[in-house]
Amino acid sequence: MGTAGELPEGVERTELDGGVRVVTDSMPSVRSVALGLWVRTGSRDERPGQAGVSHFLEHLLFKGTERYSAIEISELFDGLGASTNAATSKESTHLYARLLDEHTAEAFDLLSEMLLGPTYPEVDSERQVVLEEIAMYEDEPQDRVHDVLADAVFGDHPLGRRVIGEAEVIASIPIPSIAEYHAAQYVGPNIVVSAAGHVDHGQIVELARRHVQPPTGSPNGLASGEPRRSPQVCFYEKKTEQYHVCLGAPGIPRGDDRRFSLGVANAVLGGSTSSRLFREVREKRGLAYAVGSYSDEYMDDGLVATYVGTREDNVAEALDVIGAELTSMAADGISEEELVRAKEHIKGRMVLGLESSSARMSRIARATMYDVPLLSLDELLARVDGVSLEDVATVASELYAPGKFSAACVGTDEALFRKALEPVSPALAA
């Protein structure tokens, strides 16, 4: 057992025998605790025949253990006054609860048993729940299009898979296969215990030592193979009132120092209500209600993207505007006024976000799980302040050149969509 690393004030980290890591962030002024049990496994760690098992397993963690049924689990959390939930991503799965500090030990005991001791008593009924979730998701084109984009950008690489999985897998995967996946993935080196709020690090370490005793194993590596391919068009035909369109290109990994410059560039392009896309597409032309940009970072890769939802008559004009803004960003960068405004926007969101114990619990967990340096708030603000016009111009020229972008759409007429891509990239239109 030992501690390591330069950590911000109030943050402590310990690694237990077997590889489980414990990280806490003390917030003495609050009476709540945000507690999370994280596992470094997600959709990118699945084989094609397991598509969605990480997410399905997340559901099943709530369905019962040797000591408690699903109803008893919910009653226990309610009796602690706790709010609890879980989430799965491409690279992680976690259970979490937010509760009064006086109930930390009881909540920890329950969460750890759910994480490591599921008994799968209600698999078939939960299959139906997840199948309904998939069906609901298919009816939400503004969500579906982002997975269509991942397919366009990453292709057959595991990062191209959708987290929610495939209905045919969920409908048929047997309990032994689910249990095998759990045993292989929920091992010591993949697990991080994270807590923020009114916590004592020593107490959390002792609770982890007592309750979190997973199988030994090796930490998950990264899938081999080239995640890139030449820019692609992926069209998902569905009768909708709007065309839901994403343009996306390769981005940067989680730990890349350019993430601060990219954050500024993204805020200027479409990440705020004063952004270029919001102003040009929505405010000036009234072409869309929802328009913007975003970036996703993974352990070894990333994605930069734009989104717009617009009616058929407006698709061509909206993509013309978005293509022009991408070209402008890549060729000319941004103005001094935009730089200052974007920095203040980002810093404000950082400060407000880190006043939340849940956000701080998630931040320290991800930094620990993905081996990314954990910066203090002052260091984060300084890194944002240090971004220059030249930094933004460099990252924009590398990432926002329209010729690097793939395109995804959920709509009714593929030919119309492809024709509308001409101003963005003649190669995509062809």
Protein backbone atom coordinates (compact mmCIF):
# COMPACT_ATOMS: atom_id res chain seq x y z
CA MET A 1 0.00 0.00 0.00
CA GLY A 2 1.26 3.49 -0.74
CA THR A 3 0.56 6.99 -1.95
CA ALA A 4 2.01 8.74 -4.97
CA GLY A 5 1.79 11.83 -7.10
CA GLU A 6 1.59 15.59 -6.75
CA LEU A 7 -1.99 16.27 -5.71
CA PRO A 8 -4.01 19.44 -5.04
CA GLU A 9 -4.68 20.50 -1.48
CA GLY A 10 -7.37 18.35 0.12
CA VAL A 11 -6.90 15.44 -2.29
CA GLU A 12 -5.39 12.18 -1.08
CA ARG A 13 -4.75 8.98 -2.98
CA THR A 14 -3.88 5.46 -1.80
CA GLU A 15 -3.34 2.20 -3.68
CA LEU A 16 -4.33 -0.96 -1.86
CA ASP A 17 -2.84 -4.40 -2.22
CA GLY A 18 -4.44 -5.93 -5.28
CA GLY A 19 -4.50 -2.68 -7.25
CA VAL A 20 -7.67 -0.94 -6.04
CA ARG A 21 -7.05 2.81 -5.89
CA VAL A 22 -8.76 5.10 -3.39
CA VAL A 23 -8.92 8.86 -3.96
CA THR A 24 -10.71 11.49 -1.88
CA ASP A 25 -11.26 15.24 -2.02
CA SER A 26 -12.06 16.88 1.31
CA MET A 27 -14.64 19.71 1.35
CA PRO A 28 -14.96 20.59 5.07
CA SER A 29 -17.65 23.23 4.52
CA VAL A 30 -20.29 20.73 3.33
CA ARG A 31 -22.21 17.99 5.15
CA SER A 32 -22.71 15.72 2.13
CA VAL A 33 -20.57 13.02 0.57
CA ALA A 34 -20.45 12.02 -3.09
CA LEU A 35 -19.26 8.41 -3.26
CA GLY A 36 -18.42 6.55 -6.45
CA LEU A 37 -17.15 3.08 -7.30
CA TRP A 38 -15.60 3.16 -10.76
CA VAL A 39 -14.47 0.39 -13.08
CA ARG A 40 -12.27 0.99 -16.12
CA THR A 41 -14.48 -0.97 -18.49
CA GLY A 42 -16.98 0.16 -21.10
CA SER A 43 -18.18 -0.44 -24.62
CA ARG A 44 -14.68 -0.22 -26.10
CA ASP A 45 -13.71 -3.29 -24.04
CA GLU A 46 -16.47 -5.49 -25.47
CA ARG A 47 -16.21 -7.94 -28.32
CA PRO A 48 -18.84 -7.52 -31.10
CA GLY A 49 -20.86 -10.39 -29.66
CA GLN A 50 -20.95 -8.57 -26.31
CA ALA A 51 -22.20 -5.24 -27.68
CA GLY A 52 -23.95 -3.53 -24.79
CA VAL A 53 -23.01 -5.95 -22.02
CA SER A 54 -21.25 -3.23 -19.99
CA HIS A 55 -24.39 -1.12 -19.96
CA PHE A 56 -26.65 -4.13 -19.33
CA LEU A 57 -24.44 -5.18 -16.42
CA GLU A 58 -24.70 -1.67 -14.97
CA HIS A 59 -28.49 -2.17 -14.83
CA LEU A 60 -28.13 -5.60 -13.26
CA LEU A 61 -25.98 -4.29 -10.41
CA PHE A 62 -29.20 -2.82 -8.95
CA LYS A 63 -31.24 -6.01 -9.23
CA GLY A 64 -30.02 -7.94 -6.22
CA THR A 65 -27.20 -9.42 -4.16
CA GLU A 66 -27.03 -12.34 -1.74
CA ARG A 67 -28.29 -10.13 1.08
CA TYR A 68 -30.67 -7.76 -0.68
CA SER A 69 -33.33 -7.81 -3.38
CA ALA A 70 -33.79 -4.94 -5.83
CA ILE A 71 -36.65 -3.55 -3.74
CA GLU A 72 -34.59 -3.78 -0.56
CA ILE A 73 -31.69 -1.95 -2.22
CA SER A 74 -33.93 0.94 -3.21
CA GLU A 75 -35.52 1.02 0.25
CA LEU A 76 -32.11 1.07 1.95
CA PHE A 77 -30.92 4.00 -0.14
CA ASP A 78 -34.17 5.87 0.50
CA GLY A 79 -33.75 5.17 4.21
CA LEU A 80 -30.31 6.78 4.08
CA GLY A 81 -31.70 9.84 2.31
CA ALA A 82 -29.35 9.09 -0.56
CA SER A 83 -29.68 9.78 -4.24
CA THR A 84 -28.05 7.06 -6.29
CA ASN A 85 -27.53 6.10 -9.90
CA ALA A 86 -25.02 4.58 -12.30
CA ALA A 87 -23.55 5.30 -15.72
CA THR A 88 -21.65 3.55 -18.49
CA SER A 89 -19.44 5.16 -21.12
CA LYS A 90 -17.08 3.90 -23.80
CA GLU A 91 -14.33 3.55 -21.20
CA SER A 92 -15.89 3.25 -17.73
CA THR A 93 -18.79 2.06 -15.60
CA HIS A 94 -19.61 3.47 -12.19
CA LEU A 95 -22.08 3.38 -9.33
CA TYR A 96 -22.49 6.50 -7.24
CA ALA A 97 -24.47 7.92 -4.37
CA ARG A 98 -24.80 11.33 -2.75
CA LEU A 99 -25.73 11.29 0.92
CA LEU A 100 -25.33 12.77 4.38
CA ASP A 101 -21.84 12.28 5.79
CA GLU A 102 -23.18 10.30 8.77
CA HIS A 103 -24.32 7.49 6.41
CA THR A 104 -21.03 7.06 4.55
CA ALA A 105 -20.20 3.64 5.98
CA GLU A 106 -23.65 2.15 5.33
CA ALA A 107 -23.77 3.47 1.77
CA PHE A 108 -20.26 2.23 1.06
CA ASP A 109 -21.15 -1.26 2.29
CA LEU A 110 -24.21 -1.39 0.05
CA LEU A 111 -22.56 0.06 -3.08
CA SER A 112 -19.60 -2.29 -2.82
CA GLU A 113 -21.84 -5.35 -2.48
CA MET A 114 -23.82 -4.25 -5.53
CA LEU A 115 -20.62 -3.71 -7.52
CA LEU A 116 -18.89 -6.97 -6.68
CA GLY A 117 -21.70 -9.36 -5.69
CA PRO A 118 -24.59 -9.21 -8.15
CA THR A 119 -26.63 -12.43 -8.24
CA TYR A 120 -28.60 -11.69 -11.45
CA PRO A 121 -32.02 -12.66 -10.05
CA GLU A 122 -34.12 -10.60 -12.46
CA VAL A 123 -32.18 -10.81 -15.72
CA ASP A 124 -35.10 -11.44 -18.05
CA SER A 125 -37.26 -8.58 -16.78
CA GLU A 126 -34.28 -6.23 -16.97
CA ARG A 127 -33.59 -7.39 -20.52
CA GLN A 128 -36.99 -5.98 -21.41
CA VAL A 129 -36.18 -2.71 -19.66
CA VAL A 130 -32.95 -2.30 -21.61
CA LEU A 131 -34.64 -3.31 -24.87
CA GLU A 132 -37.23 -0.59 -24.21
CA GLU A 133 -34.38 1.84 -23.53
CA ILE A 134 -32.81 0.93 -26.88
CA ALA A 135 -36.17 1.36 -28.61
CA MET A 136 -36.63 4.75 -26.95
CA TYR A 137 -33.13 5.73 -28.03
CA GLU A 138 -33.88 4.74 -31.63
CA ASP A 139 -36.82 7.15 -31.51
CA GLU A 140 -34.53 10.04 -30.47
CA PRO A 141 -32.65 10.99 -33.65
CA GLN A 142 -30.93 13.93 -31.97
CA ASP A 143 -29.18 11.34 -29.75
CA ARG A 144 -28.80 8.58 -32.31
CA VAL A 145 -26.88 10.76 -34.76
CA HIS A 146 -23.87 11.02 -32.43
CA ASP A 147 -23.39 7.25 -32.56
CA VAL A 148 -23.82 7.34 -36.33
CA LEU A 149 -20.99 9.88 -36.32
CA ALA A 150 -18.78 7.63 -34.15
CA ASP A 151 -19.25 4.91 -36.76
CA ALA A 152 -18.27 7.36 -39.52
CA VAL A 153 -15.13 8.56 -37.73
CA PHE A 154 -13.89 5.39 -36.01
CA GLY A 155 -15.32 2.68 -38.24
CA ASP A 156 -14.87 -0.86 -36.91
CA HIS A 157 -12.60 0.24 -34.08
CA PRO A 158 -14.17 -0.32 -30.61
CA LEU A 159 -14.54 3.45 -30.17
CA GLY A 160 -17.06 3.33 -33.00
CA ARG A 161 -19.46 1.15 -31.00
CA ARG A 162 -22.42 2.64 -29.20
CA VAL A 163 -22.54 2.29 -25.44
CA ILE A 164 -26.17 1.17 -25.28
CA GLY A 165 -25.38 -1.87 -27.40
CA GLU A 166 -27.42 -3.91 -29.85
CA ALA A 167 -30.89 -5.31 -29.18
CA GLU A 168 -30.10 -8.76 -30.54
CA VAL A 169 -27.20 -9.14 -28.10
CA ILE A 170 -29.17 -7.93 -25.08
CA ALA A 171 -32.09 -10.20 -25.98
CA SER A 172 -29.95 -13.33 -26.08
CA ILE A 173 -26.80 -13.01 -23.99
CA PRO A 174 -26.93 -15.70 -21.26
CA ILE A 175 -26.27 -15.18 -17.56
CA PRO A 176 -22.97 -17.15 -17.58
CA SER A 177 -21.58 -14.82 -20.27
CA ILE A 178 -22.58 -11.76 -18.25
CA ALA A 179 -21.02 -13.23 -15.11
CA GLU A 180 -17.86 -14.09 -17.04
CA TYR A 181 -17.58 -10.51 -18.28
CA HIS A 182 -18.07 -9.20 -14.73
CA ALA A 183 -15.38 -11.52 -13.35
CA ALA A 184 -12.90 -10.55 -16.07
CA GLN A 185 -13.45 -6.79 -15.93
CA TYR A 186 -14.29 -5.99 -12.30
CA VAL A 187 -10.76 -6.73 -11.03
CA GLY A 188 -8.57 -4.78 -8.61
CA PRO A 189 -6.41 -2.78 -11.06
CA ASN A 190 -9.54 -1.62 -12.93
CA ILE A 191 -11.35 -0.28 -9.83
CA VAL A 192 -11.19 3.22 -8.35
CA VAL A 193 -13.00 4.24 -5.16
CA SER A 194 -13.67 7.97 -5.20
CA ALA A 195 -15.27 10.23 -2.58
CA ALA A 196 -15.63 14.00 -2.25
CA GLY A 197 -17.28 16.17 0.35
CA HIS A 198 -17.18 15.84 4.14
CA VAL A 199 -14.90 12.79 4.06
CA ASP A 200 -11.96 11.40 5.97
CA HIS A 201 -9.46 9.70 3.68
CA GLY A 202 -8.45 7.16 6.28
CA GLN A 203 -12.06 6.09 6.79
CA ILE A 204 -12.63 5.64 3.05
CA VAL A 205 -9.41 3.63 2.74
CA GLU A 206 -10.44 1.38 5.62
CA LEU A 207 -13.93 0.89 4.14
CA ALA A 208 -12.37 0.02 0.78
CA ARG A 209 -9.99 -2.45 2.38
CA ARG A 210 -12.89 -4.10 4.20
CA HIS A 211 -15.53 -4.16 1.47
CA VAL A 212 -13.80 -3.89 -1.92
CA GLN A 213 -12.06 -7.22 -2.38
CA PRO A 214 -12.34 -7.95 -6.10
CA PRO A 215 -10.58 -10.75 -7.98
CA THR A 216 -6.97 -10.15 -8.92
CA GLY A 217 -6.25 -9.48 -12.55
CA SER A 218 -4.56 -7.22 -15.05
CA PRO A 219 -5.69 -3.70 -15.89
CA ASN A 220 -7.49 -3.25 -19.17
CA GLY A 221 -5.28 -2.32 -22.06
CA LEU A 222 -6.29 -0.51 -25.20
CA ALA A 223 -7.62 -2.18 -28.30
CA SER A 224 -5.04 -2.60 -31.00
CA GLY A 225 -5.66 -1.53 -34.55
CA GLU A 226 -5.95 1.74 -36.39
CA PRO A 227 -9.09 3.67 -35.34
CA ARG A 228 -8.96 6.00 -38.30
CA ARG A 229 -10.13 5.69 -41.85
CA SER A 230 -10.62 8.26 -44.57
CA PRO A 231 -13.56 10.62 -44.00
CA GLN A 232 -16.86 8.83 -44.43
CA VAL A 233 -20.55 9.61 -44.80
CA CYS A 234 -22.95 7.56 -42.67
CA PHE A 235 -26.67 8.06 -43.27
CA TYR A 236 -29.34 6.52 -41.05
CA GLU A 237 -32.68 6.64 -42.82
CA LYS A 238 -35.62 7.48 -40.57
CA LYS A 239 -38.80 9.46 -41.07
CA THR A 240 -38.25 12.59 -39.00
CA GLU A 241 -39.44 16.19 -38.98
CA GLN A 242 -35.83 17.39 -38.98
CA TYR A 243 -32.52 16.24 -40.40
CA HIS A 244 -30.10 15.67 -37.53
CA VAL A 245 -26.57 16.25 -38.78
CA CYS A 246 -23.14 15.85 -37.23
CA LEU A 247 -19.77 16.65 -38.76
CA GLY A 248 -16.82 15.11 -36.92
CA ALA A 249 -13.08 14.57 -37.18
CA PRO A 250 -10.30 12.97 -35.11
CA GLY A 251 -9.51 14.90 -31.93
CA ILE A 252 -7.02 14.52 -29.08
CA PRO A 253 -6.59 12.15 -26.09
CA ARG A 254 -7.56 13.00 -22.50
CA GLY A 255 -4.11 13.92 -21.31
CA ASP A 256 -3.06 16.01 -24.30
CA ASP A 257 -1.85 19.47 -23.25
CA ARG A 258 -3.68 20.95 -26.24
CA ARG A 259 -6.99 20.27 -24.49
CA PHE A 260 -7.01 23.79 -23.04
CA SER A 261 -6.49 25.38 -26.45
CA LEU A 262 -9.13 23.07 -27.92
CA GLY A 263 -11.52 24.07 -25.15
CA VAL A 264 -11.17 27.71 -26.15
CA ALA A 265 -11.54 26.92 -29.85
CA ASN A 266 -14.66 24.84 -29.18
CA ALA A 267 -16.23 27.59 -27.05
CA VAL A 268 -15.74 30.05 -29.90
CA LEU A 269 -16.97 27.69 -32.61
CA GLY A 270 -20.14 26.35 -31.03
CA GLY A 271 -19.74 25.66 -27.33
CA SER A 272 -21.52 28.71 -25.96
CA THR A 273 -24.48 30.97 -26.67
CA SER A 274 -22.17 33.66 -28.05
CA SER A 275 -20.40 31.16 -30.33
CA ARG A 276 -20.12 31.54 -34.07
CA LEU A 277 -22.44 28.65 -34.90
CA PHE A 278 -25.12 29.75 -32.44
CA ARG A 279 -24.95 33.30 -33.75
CA GLU A 280 -24.78 32.52 -37.47
CA VAL A 281 -27.06 29.50 -37.73
CA ARG A 282 -29.67 30.24 -35.07
CA GLU A 283 -29.69 33.93 -34.21
CA LYS A 284 -29.05 35.50 -37.63
CA ARG A 285 -30.72 33.02 -39.95
CA GLY A 286 -33.17 31.09 -37.78
CA LEU A 287 -32.13 27.80 -39.36
CA ALA A 288 -32.14 25.70 -36.19
CA TYR A 289 -33.17 25.58 -32.58
CA ALA A 290 -30.28 23.30 -31.58
CA VAL A 291 -26.80 23.90 -32.99
CA GLY A 292 -23.35 23.68 -31.46
CA SER A 293 -20.01 21.94 -31.23
CA TYR A 294 -18.30 19.62 -28.79
CA SER A 295 -15.24 17.46 -28.25
CA ASP A 296 -14.83 14.01 -26.73
CA GLU A 297 -11.53 12.80 -25.31
CA TYR A 298 -10.59 9.16 -24.77
CA MET A 299 -7.50 7.51 -23.34
CA ASP A 300 -5.71 7.33 -26.67
CA ASP A 301 -7.90 9.25 -29.08
CA GLY A 302 -10.61 11.86 -29.44
CA LEU A 303 -13.28 13.51 -31.55
CA VAL A 304 -14.23 17.07 -32.49
CA ALA A 305 -17.73 17.58 -33.81
CA THR A 306 -20.58 19.90 -34.68
CA TYR A 307 -24.31 19.19 -34.50
CA VAL A 308 -27.37 20.80 -36.03
CA GLY A 309 -31.01 19.78 -36.19
CA THR A 310 -32.89 21.51 -38.98
CA ARG A 311 -35.80 21.03 -41.40
CA GLU A 312 -35.22 19.61 -44.85
CA ASP A 313 -35.48 22.99 -46.58
CA ASN A 314 -32.69 24.39 -44.40
CA VAL A 315 -30.15 21.55 -44.50
CA ALA A 316 -28.11 22.96 -47.39
CA GLU A 317 -27.92 26.49 -45.99
CA ALA A 318 -27.10 25.30 -42.48
CA LEU A 319 -24.25 23.09 -43.72
CA ASP A 320 -23.00 25.92 -45.93
CA VAL A 321 -22.70 28.14 -42.85
CA ILE A 322 -21.09 25.43 -40.73
CA GLY A 323 -18.60 24.62 -43.47
CA ALA A 324 -17.68 28.29 -43.79
CA GLU A 325 -17.12 28.60 -40.05
CA LEU A 326 -14.92 25.49 -39.97
CA THR A 327 -12.89 26.85 -42.86
CA SER A 328 -12.53 30.22 -41.13
CA MET A 329 -11.47 28.62 -37.83
CA ALA A 330 -8.89 26.41 -39.52
CA ALA A 331 -7.46 29.16 -41.72
CA ASP A 332 -7.67 32.28 -39.56
CA GLY A 333 -8.10 31.23 -35.93
CA ILE A 334 -10.05 33.57 -33.67
CA SER A 335 -10.01 37.22 -32.62
CA GLU A 336 -8.63 38.69 -29.40
CA GLU A 337 -12.17 39.55 -28.29
CA GLU A 338 -13.32 35.97 -28.85
CA LEU A 339 -10.27 34.66 -26.97
CA VAL A 340 -10.98 36.74 -23.88
CA ARG A 341 -14.68 35.92 -23.85
CA ALA A 342 -14.09 32.17 -24.34
CA LYS A 343 -11.53 32.04 -21.54
CA GLU A 344 -13.89 33.68 -19.08
CA HIS A 345 -16.69 31.35 -20.15
CA ILE A 346 -14.52 28.28 -19.54
CA LYS A 347 -13.16 29.54 -16.22
CA GLY A 348 -16.64 30.34 -14.96
CA ARG A 349 -17.86 26.86 -15.79
CA MET A 350 -14.82 25.33 -14.11
CA VAL A 351 -15.32 27.24 -10.87
CA LEU A 352 -19.06 26.58 -10.73
CA GLY A 353 -18.60 22.92 -11.55
CA LEU A 354 -15.99 22.34 -8.87
CA GLU A 355 -18.29 23.69 -6.18
CA SER A 356 -20.24 20.42 -6.61
CA SER A 357 -19.10 17.41 -4.58
CA SER A 358 -20.41 15.09 -7.31
CA ALA A 359 -18.37 16.86 -9.97
CA ARG A 360 -15.26 16.75 -7.81
CA MET A 361 -15.78 13.06 -7.07
CA SER A 362 -16.01 12.35 -10.81
CA ARG A 363 -12.98 14.50 -11.64
CA ILE A 364 -10.62 12.81 -9.20
CA ALA A 365 -11.90 9.36 -10.20
CA ARG A 366 -11.30 9.95 -13.90
CA ALA A 367 -7.86 11.45 -13.35
CA THR A 368 -6.88 8.42 -11.26
CA MET A 369 -8.45 5.83 -13.56
CA TYR A 370 -6.98 7.27 -16.76
CA ASP A 371 -3.64 8.32 -15.24
CA VAL A 372 -4.11 12.00 -16.10
CA PRO A 373 -2.42 14.67 -13.93
CA LEU A 374 -4.85 16.08 -11.37
CA LEU A 375 -4.50 19.86 -11.42
CA SER A 376 -5.72 22.21 -8.71
CA LEU A 377 -8.36 24.81 -9.56
CA ASP A 378 -5.68 27.53 -9.61
CA GLU A 379 -3.59 25.44 -11.99
CA LEU A 380 -6.57 24.82 -14.25
CA LEU A 381 -7.41 28.52 -14.38
CA ALA A 382 -3.76 29.36 -15.10
CA ARG A 383 -3.66 26.85 -17.96
CA VAL A 384 -6.74 28.45 -19.50
CA ASP A 385 -5.33 31.94 -19.01
CA GLY A 386 -2.13 30.80 -20.71
CA VAL A 387 -3.84 29.92 -23.99
CA SER A 388 -2.76 32.35 -26.73
CA LEU A 389 -4.21 33.28 -30.08
CA GLU A 390 -1.38 31.31 -31.67
CA ASP A 391 -2.24 28.22 -29.59
CA VAL A 392 -5.85 28.33 -30.75
CA ALA A 393 -4.85 28.94 -34.37
CA THR A 394 -2.51 25.93 -34.26
CA VAL A 395 -5.04 23.51 -32.79
CA ALA A 396 -7.81 24.82 -35.08
CA SER A 397 -5.68 24.34 -38.17
CA GLU A 398 -4.84 20.80 -37.08
CA LEU A 399 -8.34 19.69 -36.11
CA TYR A 400 -10.95 21.84 -37.87
CA ALA A 401 -9.89 21.62 -41.52
CA PRO A 402 -13.16 20.64 -43.28
CA GLY A 403 -11.38 18.05 -45.41
CA LYS A 404 -10.74 15.96 -42.29
CA PHE A 405 -14.41 15.75 -41.33
CA SER A 406 -16.75 12.80 -41.67
CA ALA A 407 -20.50 13.34 -41.79
CA ALA A 408 -23.47 11.63 -40.17
CA CYS A 409 -27.17 12.22 -40.59
CA VAL A 410 -30.49 10.86 -39.42
CA GLY A 411 -33.11 11.87 -41.97
CA THR A 412 -35.19 10.75 -44.93
CA ASP A 413 -33.26 11.56 -48.14
CA GLU A 414 -29.60 10.57 -48.38
CA ALA A 415 -29.12 12.17 -51.80
CA LEU A 416 -30.33 15.52 -50.49
CA PHE A 417 -27.95 15.27 -47.54
CA ARG A 418 -24.95 14.36 -49.67
CA LYS A 419 -25.61 17.25 -52.02
CA ALA A 420 -25.78 19.61 -49.04
CA LEU A 421 -22.28 18.49 -48.01
CA GLU A 422 -20.71 20.05 -51.11
CA PRO A 423 -19.77 23.37 -49.41
CA VAL A 424 -18.21 21.51 -46.49
CA SER A 425 -16.23 18.93 -48.47
CA PRO A 426 -16.65 18.07 -52.15
CA ALA A 427 -15.06 14.69 -51.41
CA LEU A 428 -17.80 13.84 -48.90
CA ALA A 429 -20.51 14.96 -51.30
CA ALA A 430 -19.08 12.62 -53.92
